[in-house]
PDB file of all heavy atoms in Angstrom:
ATOM      1  N   PHE A   1      53.713  76.283-112.738  1.00  0.00           N
ATOM      2  CA  PHE A   1      53.816  76.249-111.310  1.00  0.00           C
ATOM      3  C   PHE A   1      53.588  77.651-110.663  1.00  0.00           C
ATOM      4  O   PHE A   1      54.018  78.634-111.181  1.00  0.00           O
ATOM      5  CB  PHE A   1      55.300  75.820-110.925  1.00  0.00           C
ATOM      6  CG  PHE A   1      55.718  75.979-109.488  1.00  0.00           C
ATOM      7  CD1 PHE A   1      55.204  75.314-108.567  1.00  0.00           C
ATOM      8  CD2 PHE A   1      56.505  77.028-109.221  1.00  0.00           C
ATOM      9  CE1 PHE A   1      55.548  75.476-107.146  1.00  0.00           C
ATOM     10  CE2 PHE A   1      56.956  77.297-107.916  1.00  0.00           C
ATOM     11  CZ  PHE A   1      56.495  76.496-106.928  1.00  0.00           C
ATOM     12  N   VAL A   2      52.947  77.664-109.508  1.00  0.00           N
ATOM     13  CA  VAL A   2      52.620  78.888-108.816  1.00  0.00           C
ATOM     14  C   VAL A   2      53.310  78.934-107.436  1.00  0.00           C
ATOM     15  O   VAL A   2      54.055  79.757-107.223  1.00  0.00           O
ATOM     16  CB  VAL A   2      51.153  79.008-108.702  1.00  0.00           C
ATOM     17  CG1 VAL A   2      50.813  80.252-107.817  1.00  0.00           C
ATOM     18  CG2 VAL A   2      50.397  79.176-109.960  1.00  0.00           C
ATOM     19  N   ALA A   3      53.038  77.814-106.531  1.00  0.00           N
ATOM     20  CA  ALA A   3      53.581  77.888-105.220  1.00  0.00           C
ATOM     21  C   ALA A   3      53.550  76.471-104.669  1.00  0.00           C
ATOM     22  O   ALA A   3      52.710  75.607-105.147  1.00  0.00           O
ATOM     23  CB  ALA A   3      52.833  78.814-104.320  1.00  0.00           C
ATOM     24  N   THR A   4      54.356  76.158-103.707  1.00  0.00           N
ATOM     25  CA  THR A   4      54.327  74.854-103.092  1.00  0.00           C
ATOM     26  C   THR A   4      54.818  74.997-101.655  1.00  0.00           C
ATOM     27  O   THR A   4      55.452  75.981-101.349  1.00  0.00           O
ATOM     28  CB  THR A   4      55.330  73.935-103.835  1.00  0.00           C
ATOM     29  OG1 THR A   4      55.243  72.665-103.130  1.00  0.00           O
ATOM     30  CG2 THR A   4      56.754  74.342-103.809  1.00  0.00           C
ATOM     31  N   ILE A   5      54.343  74.064-100.824  1.00  0.00           N
ATOM     32  CA  ILE A   5      54.670  74.080 -99.362  1.00  0.00           C
ATOM     33  C   ILE A   5      54.859  72.756 -98.927  1.00  0.00           C
ATOM     34  O   ILE A   5      54.197  71.785 -99.256  1.00  0.00           O
ATOM     35  CB  ILE A   5      53.478  74.765 -98.646  1.00  0.00           C
ATOM     36  CG1 ILE A   5      53.816  75.096 -97.186  1.00  0.00           C
ATOM     37  CG2 ILE A   5      52.201  74.028 -98.723  1.00  0.00           C
ATOM     38  CD1 ILE A   5      52.944  76.104 -96.471  1.00  0.00           C
ATOM     39  N   SER A   6      55.898  72.632 -98.062  1.00  0.00           N
ATOM     40  CA  SER A   6      56.242  71.314 -97.556  1.00  0.00           C
ATOM     41  C   SER A   6      55.230  70.846 -96.437  1.00  0.00           C
ATOM     42  O   SER A   6      54.407  71.609 -95.973  1.00  0.00           O
ATOM     43  CB  SER A   6      57.568  71.307 -96.891  1.00  0.00           C
ATOM     44  OG  SER A   6      57.635  72.318 -95.816  1.00  0.00           O
ATOM     45  N   ARG A   7      55.240  69.590 -96.066  1.00  0.00           N
ATOM     46  CA  ARG A   7      54.431  68.953 -95.124  1.00  0.00           C
ATOM     47  C   ARG A   7      54.360  69.799 -93.838  1.00  0.00           C
ATOM     48  O   ARG A   7      53.318  70.177 -93.197  1.00  0.00           O
ATOM     49  CB  ARG A   7      54.700  67.572 -94.857  1.00  0.00           C
ATOM     50  CG  ARG A   7      53.835  66.854 -93.810  1.00  0.00           C
ATOM     51  CD  ARG A   7      54.100  65.419 -93.695  1.00  0.00           C
ATOM     52  NE  ARG A   7      55.494  65.017 -93.351  1.00  0.00           N
ATOM     53  CZ  ARG A   7      55.835  64.924 -92.073  1.00  0.00           C
ATOM     54  NH1 ARG A   7      54.970  64.987 -91.193  1.00  0.00           N
ATOM     55  NH2 ARG A   7      57.136  64.551 -91.912  1.00  0.00           N
ATOM     56  N   ASN A   8      55.556  70.283 -93.381  1.00  0.00           N
ATOM     57  CA  ASN A   8      55.625  70.938 -92.030  1.00  0.00           C
ATOM     58  C   ASN A   8      55.496  72.462 -92.198  1.00  0.00           C
ATOM     59  O   ASN A   8      55.586  73.209 -91.255  1.00  0.00           O
ATOM     60  CB  ASN A   8      56.932  70.677 -91.364  1.00  0.00           C
ATOM     61  CG  ASN A   8      58.183  71.132 -92.142  1.00  0.00           C
ATOM     62  OD1 ASN A   8      58.138  71.736 -93.175  1.00  0.00           O
ATOM     63  ND2 ASN A   8      59.285  70.589 -91.640  1.00  0.00           N
ATOM     64  N   GLY A   9      55.322  72.937 -93.469  1.00  0.00           N
ATOM     65  CA  GLY A   9      55.071  74.373 -93.612  1.00  0.00           C
ATOM     66  C   GLY A   9      56.248  75.184 -93.705  1.00  0.00           C
ATOM     67  O   GLY A   9      56.182  76.350 -93.868  1.00  0.00           O
ATOM     68  N   ILE A  10      57.429  74.753 -93.440  1.00  0.00           N
ATOM     69  CA  ILE A  10      58.747  75.423 -93.357  1.00  0.00           C
ATOM     70  C   ILE A  10      59.189  75.833 -94.694  1.00  0.00           C
ATOM     71  O   ILE A  10      59.760  76.850 -94.882  1.00  0.00           O
ATOM     72  CB  ILE A  10      59.691  74.613 -92.544  1.00  0.00           C
ATOM     73  CG1 ILE A  10      59.310  74.485 -91.101  1.00  0.00           C
ATOM     74  CG2 ILE A  10      61.122  75.372 -92.711  1.00  0.00           C
ATOM     75  CD1 ILE A  10      60.249  73.846 -90.274  1.00  0.00           C
ATOM     76  N   THR A  11      59.127  74.859 -95.621  1.00  0.00           N
ATOM     77  CA  THR A  11      59.684  75.130 -97.032  1.00  0.00           C
ATOM     78  C   THR A  11      58.554  75.631 -97.999  1.00  0.00           C
ATOM     79  O   THR A  11      57.503  75.023 -98.126  1.00  0.00           O
ATOM     80  CB  THR A  11      60.308  73.861 -97.590  1.00  0.00           C
ATOM     81  OG1 THR A  11      61.178  73.399 -96.665  1.00  0.00           O
ATOM     82  CG2 THR A  11      60.996  74.160 -98.941  1.00  0.00           C
ATOM     83  N   THR A  12      58.796  76.716 -98.655  1.00  0.00           N
ATOM     84  CA  THR A  12      57.915  77.209 -99.543  1.00  0.00           C
ATOM     85  C   THR A  12      58.698  77.719-100.872  1.00  0.00           C
ATOM     86  O   THR A  12      59.856  78.345-100.693  1.00  0.00           O
ATOM     87  CB  THR A  12      56.967  78.457 -99.148  1.00  0.00           C
ATOM     88  OG1 THR A  12      57.871  79.491 -98.675  1.00  0.00           O
ATOM     89  CG2 THR A  12      56.130  77.912 -98.068  1.00  0.00           C
ATOM     90  N   TYR A  13      58.031  77.573-102.075  1.00  0.00           N
ATOM     91  CA  TYR A  13      58.707  78.141-103.168  1.00  0.00           C
ATOM     92  C   TYR A  13      57.577  78.829-103.998  1.00  0.00           C
ATOM     93  O   TYR A  13      56.462  78.379-104.017  1.00  0.00           O
ATOM     94  CB  TYR A  13      59.381  76.992-104.130  1.00  0.00           C
ATOM     95  CG  TYR A  13      60.421  76.215-103.449  1.00  0.00           C
ATOM     96  CD1 TYR A  13      60.304  74.905-103.265  1.00  0.00           C
ATOM     97  CD2 TYR A  13      61.694  76.867-102.927  1.00  0.00           C
ATOM     98  CE1 TYR A  13      61.314  74.010-102.635  1.00  0.00           C
ATOM     99  CE2 TYR A  13      62.716  76.143-102.433  1.00  0.00           C
ATOM    100  CZ  TYR A  13      62.496  74.736-102.259  1.00  0.00           C
ATOM    101  OH  TYR A  13      63.431  74.056-101.550  1.00  0.00           O
ATOM    102  N   TYR A  14      57.993  79.768-104.783  1.00  0.00           N
ATOM    103  CA  TYR A  14      56.983  80.493-105.601  1.00  0.00           C
ATOM    104  C   TYR A  14      57.452  80.594-107.060  1.00  0.00           C
ATOM    105  O   TYR A  14      58.741  80.778-107.278  1.00  0.00           O
ATOM    106  CB  TYR A  14      56.739  81.869-105.098  1.00  0.00           C
ATOM    107  CG  TYR A  14      56.095  81.829-103.685  1.00  0.00           C
ATOM    108  CD1 TYR A  14      56.851  81.840-102.506  1.00  0.00           C
ATOM    109  CD2 TYR A  14      54.712  81.793-103.593  1.00  0.00           C
ATOM    110  CE1 TYR A  14      56.285  81.809-101.299  1.00  0.00           C
ATOM    111  CE2 TYR A  14      54.137  81.829-102.231  1.00  0.00           C
ATOM    112  CZ  TYR A  14      54.912  81.820-101.129  1.00  0.00           C
ATOM    113  OH  TYR A  14      54.242  81.697-100.013  1.00  0.00           O
ATOM    114  N   GLY A  15      56.613  80.658-108.051  1.00  0.00           N
ATOM    115  CA  GLY A  15      56.897  81.049-109.335  1.00  0.00           C
ATOM    116  C   GLY A  15      57.325  82.461-109.426  1.00  0.00           C
ATOM    117  O   GLY A  15      56.889  83.299-108.723  1.00  0.00           O
ATOM    118  N   GLU A  16      58.203  82.734-110.376  1.00  0.00           N
ATOM    119  CA  GLU A  16      58.780  84.130-110.488  1.00  0.00           C
ATOM    120  C   GLU A  16      57.703  85.169-110.739  1.00  0.00           C
ATOM    121  O   GLU A  16      57.781  86.204-110.257  1.00  0.00           O
ATOM    122  CB  GLU A  16      59.747  84.172-111.739  1.00  0.00           C
ATOM    123  CG  GLU A  16      61.102  83.482-111.388  1.00  0.00           C
ATOM    124  CD  GLU A  16      61.847  84.164-110.234  1.00  0.00           C
ATOM    125  OE1 GLU A  16      61.730  85.478-110.108  1.00  0.00           O
ATOM    126  OE2 GLU A  16      62.478  83.453-109.446  1.00  0.00           O
ATOM    127  N   SER A  17      56.639  84.806-111.396  1.00  0.00           N
ATOM    128  CA  SER A  17      55.655  85.791-111.777  1.00  0.00           C
ATOM    129  C   SER A  17      54.760  86.157-110.645  1.00  0.00           C
ATOM    130  O   SER A  17      53.958  87.036-110.726  1.00  0.00           O
ATOM    131  CB  SER A  17      54.786  85.258-113.012  1.00  0.00           C
ATOM    132  OG  SER A  17      54.147  84.063-112.667  1.00  0.00           O
ATOM    133  N   VAL A  18      54.778  85.418-109.598  1.00  0.00           N
ATOM    134  CA  VAL A  18      53.760  85.597-108.446  1.00  0.00           C
ATOM    135  C   VAL A  18      54.629  85.947-107.226  1.00  0.00           C
ATOM    136  O   VAL A  18      53.996  86.327-106.012  1.00  0.00           O
ATOM    137  CB  VAL A  18      52.891  84.442-108.105  1.00  0.00           C
ATOM    138  CG1 VAL A  18      52.215  84.013-109.393  1.00  0.00           C
ATOM    139  CG2 VAL A  18      53.730  83.157-107.541  1.00  0.00           C
ATOM    140  N   LYS A  19      55.890  85.917-107.194  1.00  0.00           N
ATOM    141  CA  LYS A  19      56.680  86.198-105.980  1.00  0.00           C
ATOM    142  C   LYS A  19      56.296  87.669-105.531  1.00  0.00           C
ATOM    143  O   LYS A  19      56.331  88.609-106.309  1.00  0.00           O
ATOM    144  CB  LYS A  19      58.192  86.158-106.311  1.00  0.00           C
ATOM    145  CG  LYS A  19      58.740  84.776-106.169  1.00  0.00           C
ATOM    146  CD  LYS A  19      60.301  84.773-106.453  1.00  0.00           C
ATOM    147  CE  LYS A  19      60.766  83.385-106.400  1.00  0.00           C
ATOM    148  NZ  LYS A  19      62.298  83.328-106.621  1.00  0.00           N
ATOM    149  N   GLY A  20      56.201  87.785-104.150  1.00  0.00           N
ATOM    150  CA  GLY A  20      55.842  88.986-103.555  1.00  0.00           C
ATOM    151  C   GLY A  20      54.424  89.348-103.675  1.00  0.00           C
ATOM    152  O   GLY A  20      53.965  90.305-102.965  1.00  0.00           O
ATOM    153  N   ARG A  21      53.583  88.656-104.340  1.00  0.00           N
ATOM    154  CA  ARG A  21      52.115  88.875-104.461  1.00  0.00           C
ATOM    155  C   ARG A  21      51.302  87.768-103.903  1.00  0.00           C
ATOM    156  O   ARG A  21      50.229  88.072-103.368  1.00  0.00           O
ATOM    157  CB  ARG A  21      51.719  89.115-105.909  1.00  0.00           C
ATOM    158  CG  ARG A  21      52.402  90.222-106.537  1.00  0.00           C
ATOM    159  CD  ARG A  21      51.892  90.570-107.945  1.00  0.00           C
ATOM    160  NE  ARG A  21      52.072  89.474-108.899  1.00  0.00           N
ATOM    161  CZ  ARG A  21      51.051  88.860-109.510  1.00  0.00           C
ATOM    162  NH1 ARG A  21      49.793  89.262-109.296  1.00  0.00           N
ATOM    163  NH2 ARG A  21      51.260  87.930-110.318  1.00  0.00           N
ATOM    164  N   PHE A  22      51.831  86.552-104.056  1.00  0.00           N
ATOM    165  CA  PHE A  22      50.951  85.416-103.574  1.00  0.00           C
ATOM    166  C   PHE A  22      51.656  84.796-102.304  1.00  0.00           C
ATOM    167  O   PHE A  22      52.981  85.000-102.184  1.00  0.00           O
ATOM    168  CB  PHE A  22      50.964  84.389-104.638  1.00  0.00           C
ATOM    169  CG  PHE A  22      50.081  84.612-105.774  1.00  0.00           C
ATOM    170  CD1 PHE A  22      49.582  85.953-106.073  1.00  0.00           C
ATOM    171  CD2 PHE A  22      49.839  83.644-106.765  1.00  0.00           C
ATOM    172  CE1 PHE A  22      48.911  86.324-107.215  1.00  0.00           C
ATOM    173  CE2 PHE A  22      49.028  83.959-107.873  1.00  0.00           C
ATOM    174  CZ  PHE A  22      48.482  85.213-108.068  1.00  0.00           C
ATOM    175  N   ALA A  23      50.938  84.178-101.507  1.00  0.00           N
ATOM    176  CA  ALA A  23      51.415  83.502-100.286  1.00  0.00           C
ATOM    177  C   ALA A  23      50.661  82.173-100.057  1.00  0.00           C
ATOM    178  O   ALA A  23      49.468  82.147 -99.999  1.00  0.00           O
ATOM    179  CB  ALA A  23      51.315  84.388 -99.073  1.00  0.00           C
ATOM    180  N   ILE A  24      51.439  81.159-100.007  1.00  0.00           N
ATOM    181  CA  ILE A  24      50.852  79.819 -99.750  1.00  0.00           C
ATOM    182  C   ILE A  24      50.956  79.496 -98.236  1.00  0.00           C
ATOM    183  O   ILE A  24      52.088  79.822 -97.532  1.00  0.00           O
ATOM    184  CB  ILE A  24      51.587  78.751-100.557  1.00  0.00           C
ATOM    185  CG1 ILE A  24      50.821  77.411-100.419  1.00  0.00           C
ATOM    186  CG2 ILE A  24      53.049  78.601-100.115  1.00  0.00           C
ATOM    187  CD1 ILE A  24      51.263  76.279-101.410  1.00  0.00           C
ATOM    188  N   SER A  25      50.032  78.842 -97.618  1.00  0.00           N
ATOM    189  CA  SER A  25      49.988  78.585 -96.222  1.00  0.00           C
ATOM    190  C   SER A  25      49.204  77.261 -96.018  1.00  0.00           C
ATOM    191  O   SER A  25      48.376  76.821 -97.027  1.00  0.00           O
ATOM    192  CB  SER A  25      49.488  79.700 -95.346  1.00  0.00           C
ATOM    193  OG  SER A  25      48.101  79.973 -95.653  1.00  0.00           O
ATOM    194  N   ARG A  26      49.297  76.674 -94.936  1.00  0.00           N
ATOM    195  CA  ARG A  26      48.551  75.438 -94.640  1.00  0.00           C
ATOM    196  C   ARG A  26      48.063  75.458 -93.094  1.00  0.00           C
ATOM    197  O   ARG A  26      48.782  75.930 -92.303  1.00  0.00           O
ATOM    198  CB  ARG A  26      49.305  74.208 -94.977  1.00  0.00           C
ATOM    199  CG  ARG A  26      50.494  73.998 -94.215  1.00  0.00           C
ATOM    200  CD  ARG A  26      51.331  72.747 -94.707  1.00  0.00           C
ATOM    201  NE  ARG A  26      50.561  71.557 -94.920  1.00  0.00           N
ATOM    202  CZ  ARG A  26      50.804  70.642 -95.778  1.00  0.00           C
ATOM    203  NH1 ARG A  26      51.868  70.685 -96.541  1.00  0.00           N
ATOM    204  NH2 ARG A  26      50.061  69.569 -95.803  1.00  0.00           N
ATOM    205  N   ASP A  27      46.894  74.896 -92.984  1.00  0.00           N
ATOM    206  CA  ASP A  27      46.352  74.671 -91.670  1.00  0.00           C
ATOM    207  C   ASP A  27      46.056  73.030 -91.582  1.00  0.00           C
ATOM    208  O   ASP A  27      44.896  72.634 -92.007  1.00  0.00           O
ATOM    209  CB  ASP A  27      45.063  75.435 -91.462  1.00  0.00           C
ATOM    210  CG  ASP A  27      44.601  75.293 -90.024  1.00  0.00           C
ATOM    211  OD1 ASP A  27      45.000  74.274 -89.364  1.00  0.00           O
ATOM    212  OD2 ASP A  27      43.786  76.154 -89.525  1.00  0.00           O
ATOM    213  N   ASN A  28      47.059  72.366 -91.105  1.00  0.00           N
ATOM    214  CA  ASN A  28      46.866  70.933 -91.021  1.00  0.00           C
ATOM    215  C   ASN A  28      45.712  70.392 -90.205  1.00  0.00           C
ATOM    216  O   ASN A  28      45.030  69.391 -90.443  1.00  0.00           O
ATOM    217  CB  ASN A  28      48.145  70.168 -90.574  1.00  0.00           C
ATOM    218  CG  ASN A  28      49.183  70.309 -91.735  1.00  0.00           C
ATOM    219  OD1 ASN A  28      48.906  70.354 -92.883  1.00  0.00           O
ATOM    220  ND2 ASN A  28      50.538  70.113 -91.241  1.00  0.00           N
ATOM    221  N   ALA A  29      45.329  71.245 -89.237  1.00  0.00           N
ATOM    222  CA  ALA A  29      44.180  70.845 -88.308  1.00  0.00           C
ATOM    223  C   ALA A  29      42.931  71.029 -88.993  1.00  0.00           C
ATOM    224  O   ALA A  29      41.991  70.174 -88.855  1.00  0.00           O
ATOM    225  CB  ALA A  29      44.077  71.831 -87.199  1.00  0.00           C
ATOM    226  N   LYS A  30      42.913  71.829 -90.110  1.00  0.00           N
ATOM    227  CA  LYS A  30      41.734  72.003 -90.937  1.00  0.00           C
ATOM    228  C   LYS A  30      41.876  71.240 -92.280  1.00  0.00           C
ATOM    229  O   LYS A  30      40.864  71.264 -93.053  1.00  0.00           O
ATOM    230  CB  LYS A  30      41.437  73.481 -91.243  1.00  0.00           C
ATOM    231  CG  LYS A  30      40.972  74.274 -89.972  1.00  0.00           C
ATOM    232  CD  LYS A  30      40.698  75.623 -90.388  1.00  0.00           C
ATOM    233  CE  LYS A  30      40.353  76.481 -89.165  1.00  0.00           C
ATOM    234  NZ  LYS A  30      39.952  77.943 -89.467  1.00  0.00           N
ATOM    235  N   ASN A  31      42.919  70.592 -92.411  1.00  0.00           N
ATOM    236  CA  ASN A  31      43.153  69.702 -93.563  1.00  0.00           C
ATOM    237  C   ASN A  31      43.009  70.518 -94.845  1.00  0.00           C
ATOM    238  O   ASN A  31      42.459  70.177 -95.912  1.00  0.00           O
ATOM    239  CB  ASN A  31      42.103  68.527 -93.691  1.00  0.00           C
ATOM    240  CG  ASN A  31      42.806  67.256 -93.886  1.00  0.00           C
ATOM    241  OD1 ASN A  31      43.873  67.027 -93.654  1.00  0.00           O
ATOM    242  ND2 ASN A  31      42.014  66.277 -94.315  1.00  0.00           N
ATOM    243  N   THR A  32      43.642  71.849 -94.810  1.00  0.00           N
ATOM    244  CA  THR A  32      43.416  72.724 -95.889  1.00  0.00           C
ATOM    245  C   THR A  32      44.713  73.458 -96.153  1.00  0.00           C
ATOM    246  O   THR A  32      45.400  73.791 -95.207  1.00  0.00           O
ATOM    247  CB  THR A  32      42.352  73.785 -95.632  1.00  0.00           C
ATOM    248  OG1 THR A  32      41.052  73.037 -95.334  1.00  0.00           O
ATOM    249  CG2 THR A  32      42.009  74.785 -96.747  1.00  0.00           C
TER     250      THR A  32
END
């Protein structure tokens, strides 16, 4: 596991090895 994001983008979790270095985000308008 690396990272996850909820449908509304409010909830995110990160794996311990990537915390502080990786960031997950979403643009629902771009379906990405």
